[in-house]
Amino acid sequence: MQDGQYFCTYTCTEECQVEVRIEFEDDRGKMVPLRGSPYTATFSSKAKAADNTMIGGAMSKYIAKEIETLNSHFADVKK
């Protein structure tokens, strides 16, 4: 996108789970994984189209689950 961002799309022809690896060239010229990479994605014909957006129901559920996990971790650390 000529501003340090990249936009990628992928069309899946069958239900499956994929692993997405994203790497970039560091200041030493070495290809290194982006923090958090690899990522996994699941393609399902049963998924709602709205769940494929950043503000869809699937993202809301994911964020709620992650917050719950963090809260649990913080509670354990405080003990």
N, C-alpha and C. Protein backbone atom coordinates (compact mmCIF):
# COMPACT_ATOMS: atom_id res chain seq x y z
N MET A 1 0.83 -1.19 0.00
CA MET A 1 0.00 0.00 0.00
C MET A 1 0.87 1.26 0.00
N GLN A 2 2.17 1.07 -0.21
CA GLN A 2 3.14 2.15 -0.31
C GLN A 2 3.28 2.97 0.99
N ASP A 3 2.87 2.38 2.13
CA ASP A 3 3.00 3.09 3.40
C ASP A 3 3.45 2.15 4.53
N GLY A 4 4.06 1.03 4.17
CA GLY A 4 4.50 0.06 5.15
C GLY A 4 3.47 -1.01 5.47
N GLN A 5 2.29 -0.89 4.90
CA GLN A 5 1.24 -1.88 5.11
C GLN A 5 1.09 -2.74 3.85
N TYR A 6 0.60 -3.95 4.06
CA TYR A 6 0.32 -4.84 2.96
C TYR A 6 -1.11 -5.34 3.09
N PHE A 7 -1.77 -5.53 1.98
CA PHE A 7 -3.12 -6.06 1.96
C PHE A 7 -3.09 -7.36 1.18
N CYS A 8 -3.51 -8.44 1.82
CA CYS A 8 -3.50 -9.75 1.18
C CYS A 8 -4.89 -10.35 1.23
N THR A 9 -5.23 -11.10 0.21
CA THR A 9 -6.48 -11.84 0.21
C THR A 9 -6.18 -13.28 -0.17
N TYR A 10 -7.08 -14.14 0.24
CA TYR A 10 -6.94 -15.55 -0.07
C TYR A 10 -8.34 -16.13 -0.23
N THR A 11 -8.56 -16.87 -1.26
CA THR A 11 -9.84 -17.54 -1.48
C THR A 11 -9.63 -19.03 -1.29
N CYS A 12 -10.42 -19.60 -0.41
CA CYS A 12 -10.30 -21.03 -0.11
C CYS A 12 -11.43 -21.76 -0.82
N THR A 13 -11.10 -22.85 -1.49
CA THR A 13 -12.10 -23.59 -2.25
C THR A 13 -12.69 -24.76 -1.47
N GLU A 14 -12.14 -25.04 -0.29
CA GLU A 14 -12.67 -26.13 0.54
C GLU A 14 -12.45 -25.80 2.01
N GLU A 15 -13.21 -26.45 2.88
CA GLU A 15 -13.04 -26.25 4.31
C GLU A 15 -11.70 -26.80 4.75
N CYS A 16 -10.99 -26.01 5.53
CA CYS A 16 -9.68 -26.47 6.02
C CYS A 16 -9.16 -25.49 7.07
N GLN A 17 -8.06 -25.87 7.67
CA GLN A 17 -7.33 -24.97 8.56
C GLN A 17 -5.98 -24.72 7.91
N VAL A 18 -5.55 -23.48 7.91
CA VAL A 18 -4.27 -23.13 7.30
C VAL A 18 -3.37 -22.44 8.31
N GLU A 19 -2.09 -22.48 8.03
CA GLU A 19 -1.10 -21.78 8.84
C GLU A 19 -0.52 -20.66 7.97
N VAL A 20 -0.54 -19.45 8.48
CA VAL A 20 -0.05 -18.30 7.73
C VAL A 20 1.23 -17.81 8.41
N ARG A 21 2.32 -17.84 7.67
CA ARG A 21 3.60 -17.37 8.19
C ARG A 21 3.92 -16.03 7.53
N ILE A 22 4.22 -15.05 8.36
CA ILE A 22 4.56 -13.72 7.85
C ILE A 22 5.96 -13.38 8.34
N GLU A 23 6.83 -13.06 7.41
CA GLU A 23 8.21 -12.71 7.75
C GLU A 23 8.56 -11.36 7.13
N PHE A 24 9.54 -10.71 7.74
CA PHE A 24 10.03 -9.46 7.18
C PHE A 24 11.56 -9.44 7.30
N GLU A 25 12.17 -8.58 6.52
CA GLU A 25 13.62 -8.47 6.54
C GLU A 25 14.03 -7.50 7.64
N ASP A 26 14.84 -7.97 8.60
CA ASP A 26 15.25 -7.10 9.70
C ASP A 26 16.41 -6.20 9.26
N ASP A 27 16.92 -5.40 10.20
CA ASP A 27 17.97 -4.45 9.86
C ASP A 27 19.31 -5.11 9.54
N ARG A 28 19.42 -6.41 9.76
CA ARG A 28 20.63 -7.16 9.41
C ARG A 28 20.46 -7.91 8.10
N GLY A 29 19.31 -7.73 7.45
CA GLY A 29 19.06 -8.40 6.18
C GLY A 29 18.56 -9.83 6.33
N LYS A 30 18.21 -10.22 7.55
CA LYS A 30 17.74 -11.58 7.81
C LYS A 30 16.21 -11.59 7.84
N MET A 31 15.62 -12.62 7.22
CA MET A 31 14.16 -12.78 7.25
C MET A 31 13.76 -13.37 8.60
N VAL A 32 12.89 -12.66 9.32
CA VAL A 32 12.45 -13.09 10.64
C VAL A 32 10.93 -13.05 10.71
N PRO A 33 10.33 -13.91 11.56
CA PRO A 33 8.87 -13.91 11.65
C PRO A 33 8.33 -12.66 12.32
N LEU A 34 7.21 -12.20 11.85
CA LEU A 34 6.49 -11.11 12.49
C LEU A 34 6.02 -11.62 13.84
N ARG A 35 6.01 -10.76 14.86
CA ARG A 35 5.59 -11.18 16.19
C ARG A 35 4.23 -11.87 16.12
N GLY A 36 4.15 -13.07 16.68
CA GLY A 36 2.90 -13.83 16.67
C GLY A 36 2.78 -14.81 15.52
N SER A 37 3.60 -14.66 14.51
CA SER A 37 3.56 -15.56 13.36
C SER A 37 4.22 -16.87 13.73
N PRO A 38 3.70 -17.99 13.33
CA PRO A 38 2.61 -18.18 12.38
C PRO A 38 1.24 -18.05 13.02
N TYR A 39 0.28 -17.70 12.20
CA TYR A 39 -1.11 -17.58 12.59
C TYR A 39 -1.88 -18.74 11.98
N THR A 40 -2.99 -19.09 12.59
CA THR A 40 -3.85 -20.12 12.00
C THR A 40 -5.18 -19.50 11.63
N ALA A 41 -5.77 -20.01 10.58
CA ALA A 41 -7.10 -19.57 10.14
C ALA A 41 -7.88 -20.82 9.75
N THR A 42 -9.16 -20.80 10.04
CA THR A 42 -10.02 -21.92 9.70
C THR A 42 -11.06 -21.44 8.71
N PHE A 43 -11.24 -22.17 7.64
CA PHE A 43 -12.24 -21.83 6.63
C PHE A 43 -13.39 -22.82 6.75
N SER A 44 -14.60 -22.28 6.89
CA SER A 44 -15.78 -23.12 7.06
C SER A 44 -16.92 -22.58 6.21
N SER A 45 -17.62 -23.46 5.54
CA SER A 45 -18.77 -23.05 4.73
C SER A 45 -19.94 -22.63 5.61
N LYS A 46 -19.89 -22.97 6.89
CA LYS A 46 -20.96 -22.62 7.82
C LYS A 46 -20.78 -21.23 8.43
N ALA A 47 -19.63 -20.61 8.21
CA ALA A 47 -19.36 -19.30 8.80
C ALA A 47 -20.25 -18.23 8.16
N LYS A 48 -20.69 -17.31 9.00
CA LYS A 48 -21.49 -16.18 8.50
C LYS A 48 -20.55 -15.17 7.84
N ALA A 49 -21.01 -14.55 6.79
CA ALA A 49 -20.19 -13.56 6.09
C ALA A 49 -19.77 -12.43 7.04
N ALA A 50 -20.66 -12.02 7.94
CA ALA A 50 -20.36 -10.93 8.88
C ALA A 50 -19.22 -11.30 9.82
N ASP A 51 -19.00 -12.60 10.06
CA ASP A 51 -17.92 -13.02 10.94
C ASP A 51 -16.55 -12.84 10.30
N ASN A 52 -16.51 -12.56 9.03
CA ASN A 52 -15.24 -12.35 8.34
C ASN A 52 -14.79 -10.90 8.34
N THR A 53 -15.41 -10.09 9.16
CA THR A 53 -15.00 -8.68 9.27
C THR A 53 -14.33 -8.47 10.62
N MET A 54 -13.56 -7.42 10.74
CA MET A 54 -12.86 -7.12 11.99
C MET A 54 -13.82 -6.75 13.12
N ILE A 55 -15.05 -6.40 12.79
CA ILE A 55 -16.02 -6.06 13.84
C ILE A 55 -17.17 -7.07 13.90
N GLY A 56 -16.96 -8.22 13.31
CA GLY A 56 -17.99 -9.26 13.29
C GLY A 56 -18.10 -10.00 14.61
N GLY A 57 -19.10 -10.84 14.72
CA GLY A 57 -19.37 -11.58 15.93
C GLY A 57 -18.23 -12.49 16.36
N ALA A 58 -17.55 -13.10 15.41
CA ALA A 58 -16.44 -13.98 15.75
C ALA A 58 -15.32 -13.21 16.45
N MET A 59 -15.05 -12.00 16.00
CA MET A 59 -14.00 -11.19 16.62
C MET A 59 -14.41 -10.79 18.03
N SER A 60 -15.66 -10.42 18.21
CA SER A 60 -16.15 -10.06 19.54
C SER A 60 -16.00 -11.22 20.51
N LYS A 61 -16.34 -12.41 20.07
CA LYS A 61 -16.20 -13.61 20.92
C LYS A 61 -14.73 -13.87 21.23
N TYR A 62 -13.87 -13.71 20.23
CA TYR A 62 -12.45 -13.94 20.43
C TYR A 62 -11.88 -12.96 21.46
N ILE A 63 -12.23 -11.69 21.32
CA ILE A 63 -11.72 -10.67 22.25
C ILE A 63 -12.22 -10.95 23.66
N ALA A 64 -13.50 -11.30 23.81
CA ALA A 64 -14.05 -11.61 25.14
C ALA A 64 -13.30 -12.78 25.76
N LYS A 65 -12.99 -13.81 24.97
CA LYS A 65 -12.27 -14.98 25.47
C LYS A 65 -10.85 -14.59 25.89
N GLU A 66 -10.18 -13.77 25.09
CA GLU A 66 -8.83 -13.34 25.42
C GLU A 66 -8.81 -12.50 26.69
N ILE A 67 -9.79 -11.63 26.86
CA ILE A 67 -9.88 -10.82 28.08
C ILE A 67 -10.08 -11.72 29.30
N GLU A 68 -10.94 -12.72 29.15
CA GLU A 68 -11.17 -13.68 30.24
C GLU A 68 -9.88 -14.42 30.59
N THR A 69 -9.13 -14.82 29.59
CA THR A 69 -7.86 -15.51 29.82
C THR A 69 -6.87 -14.61 30.54
N LEU A 70 -6.78 -13.35 30.12
CA LEU A 70 -5.88 -12.40 30.78
C LEU A 70 -6.29 -12.14 32.22
N ASN A 71 -7.58 -11.95 32.45
CA ASN A 71 -8.06 -11.73 33.81
C ASN A 71 -7.73 -12.91 34.70
N SER A 72 -7.90 -14.11 34.19
CA SER A 72 -7.57 -15.32 34.95
C SER A 72 -6.07 -15.37 35.26
N HIS A 73 -5.28 -15.03 34.28
CA HIS A 73 -3.82 -15.02 34.48
C HIS A 73 -3.43 -14.00 35.54
N PHE A 74 -3.98 -12.79 35.46
CA PHE A 74 -3.67 -11.76 36.43
C PHE A 74 -4.10 -12.16 37.84
N ALA A 75 -5.24 -12.83 37.95
CA ALA A 75 -5.72 -13.29 39.26
C ALA A 75 -4.75 -14.33 39.82
N ASP A 76 -4.24 -15.22 38.98
CA ASP A 76 -3.29 -16.22 39.43
C ASP A 76 -1.97 -15.58 39.86
N VAL A 77 -1.53 -14.56 39.16
CA VAL A 77 -0.27 -13.89 39.47
C VAL A 77 -0.37 -13.16 40.80
N LYS A 78 -1.54 -12.61 41.11
CA LYS A 78 -1.73 -11.86 42.35
C LYS A 78 -1.71 -12.75 43.59
N LYS A 79 -1.95 -14.04 43.41
CA LYS A 79 -2.03 -14.97 44.55
C LYS A 79 -0.71 -15.12 45.25
